[in-house]
Amino acid sequence: MLAIPLSWLVAMWIAWSLIFVAGADNVVASDDRDPAATTEKAYYVGYLLVTLGNGEFQPSGTGWQFVSVAASATGFAVLTLGVTFIVPVVQAATTRRRTAALIAMYGSTIDELSETLASATVDVDAIARQIVTLTEEHGAFPVLHFLHTREARRSAPAMIARLALAADALGTPDSLRRALDGYLQFHPDAARRANREAWMGVLRDDGRGDLSVA
């Protein structure tokens, strides 16, 4: 997950470095005004982007001063976007674990969930609302689809698939069925299959395979 904002920053660093390297004597040392070498220009761009501002080098000429300001502004923007991206994604990942934990309260296998559903002790509407919330967060942050958990009881795809398979055998309540149908839209290959095959596909996407339904 951190790789995404880091890749943004690295791409900006490379792009701005190429711009500064293309110029002649556009960056000089602050103490003796000697022209910066290629690696020194890359270093200069790096501390512009992270707004470090240590002052070892400085732009030469008014034009490059404005270019330096632009580089610093884009670096600040990327860092800000990175933070605003990571925080809600972490919160959404917490929603995934919370959803899995909510379902696991009623059983961690298809058989256990079937027994609980048959006894009518499951708050189906609460689970449906949680799945709808998770679905909305999947729409906002598709990267969630690529987050996996080793423990099945903490894996939302695994627990939702098991719940769907258990509910299908007993007749899925309308609220839960609509929530599950919405969740399946993020598994397009699975959504084109029959119910059991669809949820087996979700389990395979989660890296668990056929044996994970047990």
Protein backbone atom coordinates (compact mmCIF):
# COMPACT_ATOMS: atom_id res chain seq x y z
CA MET A 1 0.00 0.00 0.00
CA LEU A 2 2.87 2.37 0.79
CA ALA A 3 4.30 1.55 -2.62
CA ILE A 4 1.65 3.68 -4.34
CA PRO A 5 2.52 7.09 -2.81
CA LEU A 6 6.21 6.17 -2.86
CA SER A 7 5.99 5.45 -6.58
CA TRP A 8 4.39 8.87 -7.06
CA LEU A 9 7.30 10.52 -5.26
CA VAL A 10 9.96 8.53 -7.11
CA ALA A 11 8.36 9.36 -10.47
CA MET A 12 8.31 13.06 -9.57
CA TRP A 13 11.93 12.87 -8.42
CA ILE A 14 13.06 11.31 -11.69
CA ALA A 15 11.04 13.75 -13.82
CA TRP A 16 12.28 16.87 -12.05
CA SER A 17 15.85 15.56 -11.97
CA LEU A 18 15.79 15.18 -15.75
CA ILE A 19 14.52 18.75 -16.07
CA PHE A 20 17.32 20.16 -13.91
CA VAL A 21 20.01 17.96 -15.47
CA ALA A 22 19.00 19.29 -18.90
CA GLY A 23 19.99 22.82 -17.87
CA ALA A 24 23.56 24.11 -17.74
CA ASP A 25 24.88 25.71 -14.55
CA ASN A 26 21.30 26.10 -13.29
CA VAL A 27 22.11 24.79 -9.79
CA VAL A 28 25.15 26.01 -7.88
CA ALA A 29 26.65 25.41 -4.47
CA SER A 30 25.53 27.98 -1.94
CA ASP A 31 29.00 28.60 -0.48
CA ASP A 32 31.34 28.84 -3.50
CA ARG A 33 28.83 29.08 -6.41
CA ASP A 34 30.39 26.08 -8.15
CA PRO A 35 28.03 24.41 -10.67
CA ALA A 36 26.37 21.27 -9.28
CA ALA A 37 27.16 17.88 -10.80
CA THR A 38 24.43 15.57 -12.09
CA THR A 39 24.17 13.62 -8.83
CA GLU A 40 24.15 16.85 -6.87
CA LYS A 41 21.27 18.14 -8.98
CA ALA A 42 19.34 14.94 -8.24
CA TYR A 43 20.08 15.47 -4.54
CA TYR A 44 18.92 19.09 -4.82
CA VAL A 45 15.66 17.98 -6.46
CA GLY A 46 15.18 15.38 -3.72
CA TYR A 47 15.30 17.86 -0.90
CA LEU A 48 13.09 20.25 -2.87
CA LEU A 49 10.41 17.57 -3.20
CA VAL A 50 10.43 16.63 0.48
CA THR A 51 10.63 20.36 1.37
CA LEU A 52 13.77 19.76 3.44
CA GLY A 53 15.35 23.04 2.35
CA ASN A 54 18.85 22.52 3.79
CA GLY A 55 20.34 25.19 1.52
CA GLU A 56 23.47 23.36 0.32
CA PHE A 57 22.55 24.20 -3.27
CA GLN A 58 20.49 26.95 -4.85
CA PRO A 59 19.09 27.76 -8.28
CA SER A 60 21.03 30.08 -10.55
CA GLY A 61 18.89 32.71 -12.22
CA THR A 62 15.31 33.88 -11.76
CA GLY A 63 13.83 31.34 -14.16
CA TRP A 64 15.27 28.37 -12.29
CA GLN A 65 14.19 29.89 -9.01
CA PHE A 66 10.58 29.67 -10.18
CA VAL A 67 11.18 26.14 -11.47
CA SER A 68 12.51 25.20 -8.03
CA VAL A 69 9.40 26.62 -6.40
CA ALA A 70 7.25 24.57 -8.78
CA ALA A 71 9.20 21.41 -7.93
CA SER A 72 8.84 22.08 -4.22
CA ALA A 73 5.10 22.70 -4.62
CA THR A 74 4.54 19.43 -6.50
CA GLY A 75 6.54 17.54 -3.89
CA PHE A 76 4.42 19.01 -1.11
CA ALA A 77 1.27 18.14 -3.06
CA VAL A 78 2.38 14.53 -3.60
CA LEU A 79 3.29 14.08 0.08
CA THR A 80 -0.06 15.53 1.13
CA LEU A 81 -1.95 13.31 -1.30
CA GLY A 82 0.04 10.33 -0.05
CA VAL A 83 -1.04 10.95 3.54
CA THR A 84 -4.66 11.58 2.56
CA PHE A 85 -4.59 8.34 0.55
CA ILE A 86 -3.00 6.09 3.17
CA VAL A 87 -5.15 7.10 6.16
CA PRO A 88 -8.58 6.28 4.64
CA VAL A 89 -7.19 3.09 3.06
CA VAL A 90 -6.00 1.94 6.49
CA GLN A 91 -9.45 2.76 7.88
CA ALA A 92 -11.06 0.80 5.04
CA ALA A 93 -8.75 -2.15 5.74
CA THR A 94 -9.95 -2.01 9.33
CA THR A 95 -13.53 -2.20 8.04
CA ARG A 96 -12.56 -5.38 6.17
CA ARG A 97 -11.25 -6.99 9.35
CA ARG A 98 -14.29 -5.78 11.30
CA THR A 99 -16.61 -7.32 8.71
CA ALA A 100 -14.77 -10.64 8.88
CA ALA A 101 -14.84 -10.59 12.70
CA LEU A 102 -18.57 -9.82 12.73
CA ILE A 103 -19.34 -12.82 10.54
CA ALA A 104 -16.89 -15.05 12.44
CA MET A 105 -18.84 -14.35 15.64
CA TYR A 106 -21.58 -16.58 14.21
CA GLY A 107 -19.24 -19.25 12.84
CA SER A 108 -15.98 -19.60 10.96
CA THR A 109 -17.01 -22.42 8.60
CA ILE A 110 -19.91 -22.95 6.23
CA ASP A 111 -21.41 -25.63 8.47
CA GLU A 112 -21.21 -23.43 11.58
CA LEU A 113 -22.73 -20.48 9.75
CA SER A 114 -25.50 -22.70 8.34
CA GLU A 115 -26.41 -23.87 11.84
CA THR A 116 -26.44 -20.33 13.17
CA LEU A 117 -28.51 -19.02 10.27
CA ALA A 118 -30.98 -21.88 10.69
CA SER A 119 -31.39 -21.02 14.37
CA ALA A 120 -32.27 -17.41 13.43
CA THR A 121 -29.80 -15.98 15.94
CA VAL A 122 -27.88 -13.97 13.34
CA ASP A 123 -28.42 -10.24 12.99
CA VAL A 124 -28.63 -10.46 9.21
CA ASP A 125 -29.40 -6.77 8.72
CA ALA A 126 -26.32 -5.70 10.71
CA ILE A 127 -24.11 -7.96 8.60
CA ALA A 128 -25.75 -6.69 5.41
CA ARG A 129 -25.10 -3.07 6.42
CA GLN A 130 -21.47 -3.90 7.17
CA ILE A 131 -21.04 -5.56 3.78
CA VAL A 132 -22.62 -2.55 2.05
CA THR A 133 -20.18 -0.24 3.85
CA LEU A 134 -17.27 -2.43 2.78
CA THR A 135 -18.56 -2.46 -0.80
CA GLU A 136 -18.63 1.35 -0.88
CA GLU A 137 -15.06 1.47 0.41
CA HIS A 138 -13.99 -1.03 -2.25
CA GLY A 139 -15.43 1.34 -4.83
CA ALA A 140 -13.50 4.28 -3.38
CA PHE A 141 -10.24 2.35 -2.89
CA PRO A 142 -9.83 -0.52 -5.39
CA VAL A 143 -6.44 -1.31 -3.84
CA LEU A 144 -8.38 -3.09 -1.07
CA HIS A 145 -9.04 -5.92 -3.50
CA PHE A 146 -5.33 -6.76 -3.39
CA LEU A 147 -5.00 -6.83 0.40
CA HIS A 148 -5.00 -10.35 1.82
CA THR A 149 -4.93 -11.82 5.31
CA ARG A 150 -3.40 -15.18 6.14
CA GLU A 151 -5.97 -16.01 8.81
CA ALA A 152 -9.32 -16.82 7.20
CA ARG A 153 -11.33 -15.58 10.20
CA ARG A 154 -9.88 -12.09 9.59
CA SER A 155 -10.32 -12.19 5.81
CA ALA A 156 -13.46 -10.39 4.66
CA PRO A 157 -13.59 -12.12 1.22
CA ALA A 158 -13.25 -15.56 2.84
CA MET A 159 -15.85 -14.96 5.54
CA ILE A 160 -18.31 -13.23 3.20
CA ALA A 161 -17.99 -16.10 0.72
CA ARG A 162 -18.60 -18.68 3.44
CA LEU A 163 -21.62 -16.74 4.69
CA ALA A 164 -23.00 -16.50 1.16
CA LEU A 165 -22.58 -20.24 0.59
CA ALA A 166 -24.23 -21.02 3.92
CA ALA A 167 -27.12 -18.60 3.32
CA ASP A 168 -27.67 -19.86 -0.24
CA ALA A 169 -28.44 -23.34 1.02
CA LEU A 170 -31.10 -22.00 3.41
CA GLY A 171 -32.55 -19.21 1.28
CA THR A 172 -30.77 -15.87 1.50
CA PRO A 173 -32.72 -13.02 3.17
CA ASP A 174 -33.41 -10.13 0.80
CA SER A 175 -31.27 -7.54 2.60
CA LEU A 176 -28.30 -9.88 2.73
CA ARG A 177 -28.77 -11.00 -0.88
CA ARG A 178 -28.72 -7.41 -2.12
CA ALA A 179 -25.60 -6.67 -0.07
CA LEU A 180 -23.85 -9.78 -1.40
CA ASP A 181 -24.80 -8.97 -5.00
CA GLY A 182 -23.27 -5.52 -4.57
CA TYR A 183 -20.08 -7.00 -3.13
CA LEU A 184 -19.74 -9.38 -6.08
CA GLN A 185 -19.39 -6.47 -8.51
CA PHE A 186 -15.75 -6.22 -7.43
CA HIS A 187 -15.22 -9.82 -8.54
CA PRO A 188 -16.42 -9.54 -12.17
CA ASP A 189 -15.24 -13.03 -13.14
CA ALA A 190 -17.15 -14.50 -10.21
CA ALA A 191 -20.27 -12.41 -10.80
CA ARG A 192 -20.88 -14.09 -14.15
CA ARG A 193 -21.19 -17.54 -12.58
CA ALA A 194 -23.84 -19.34 -10.58
CA ASN A 195 -23.90 -18.62 -6.86
CA ARG A 196 -21.64 -21.38 -5.57
CA GLU A 197 -19.15 -20.96 -8.40
CA ALA A 198 -19.19 -17.21 -7.86
CA TRP A 199 -18.24 -17.42 -4.21
CA MET A 200 -15.68 -20.13 -4.89
CA GLY A 201 -14.18 -17.63 -7.32
CA VAL A 202 -14.04 -15.02 -4.55
CA LEU A 203 -12.15 -17.50 -2.39
CA ARG A 204 -9.71 -18.22 -5.21
CA ASP A 205 -9.17 -14.49 -5.73
CA ASP A 206 -8.36 -14.28 -2.04
CA GLY A 207 -5.65 -16.90 -2.58
CA ARG A 208 -7.36 -19.63 -0.60
CA GLY A 209 -8.60 -22.11 -3.17
CA ASP A 210 -11.38 -24.67 -2.94
CA LEU A 211 -10.30 -26.06 0.41
CA SER A 212 -10.96 -22.74 2.13
CA VAL A 213 -14.72 -23.31 2.20
CA ALA A 214 -14.38 -25.87 4.95
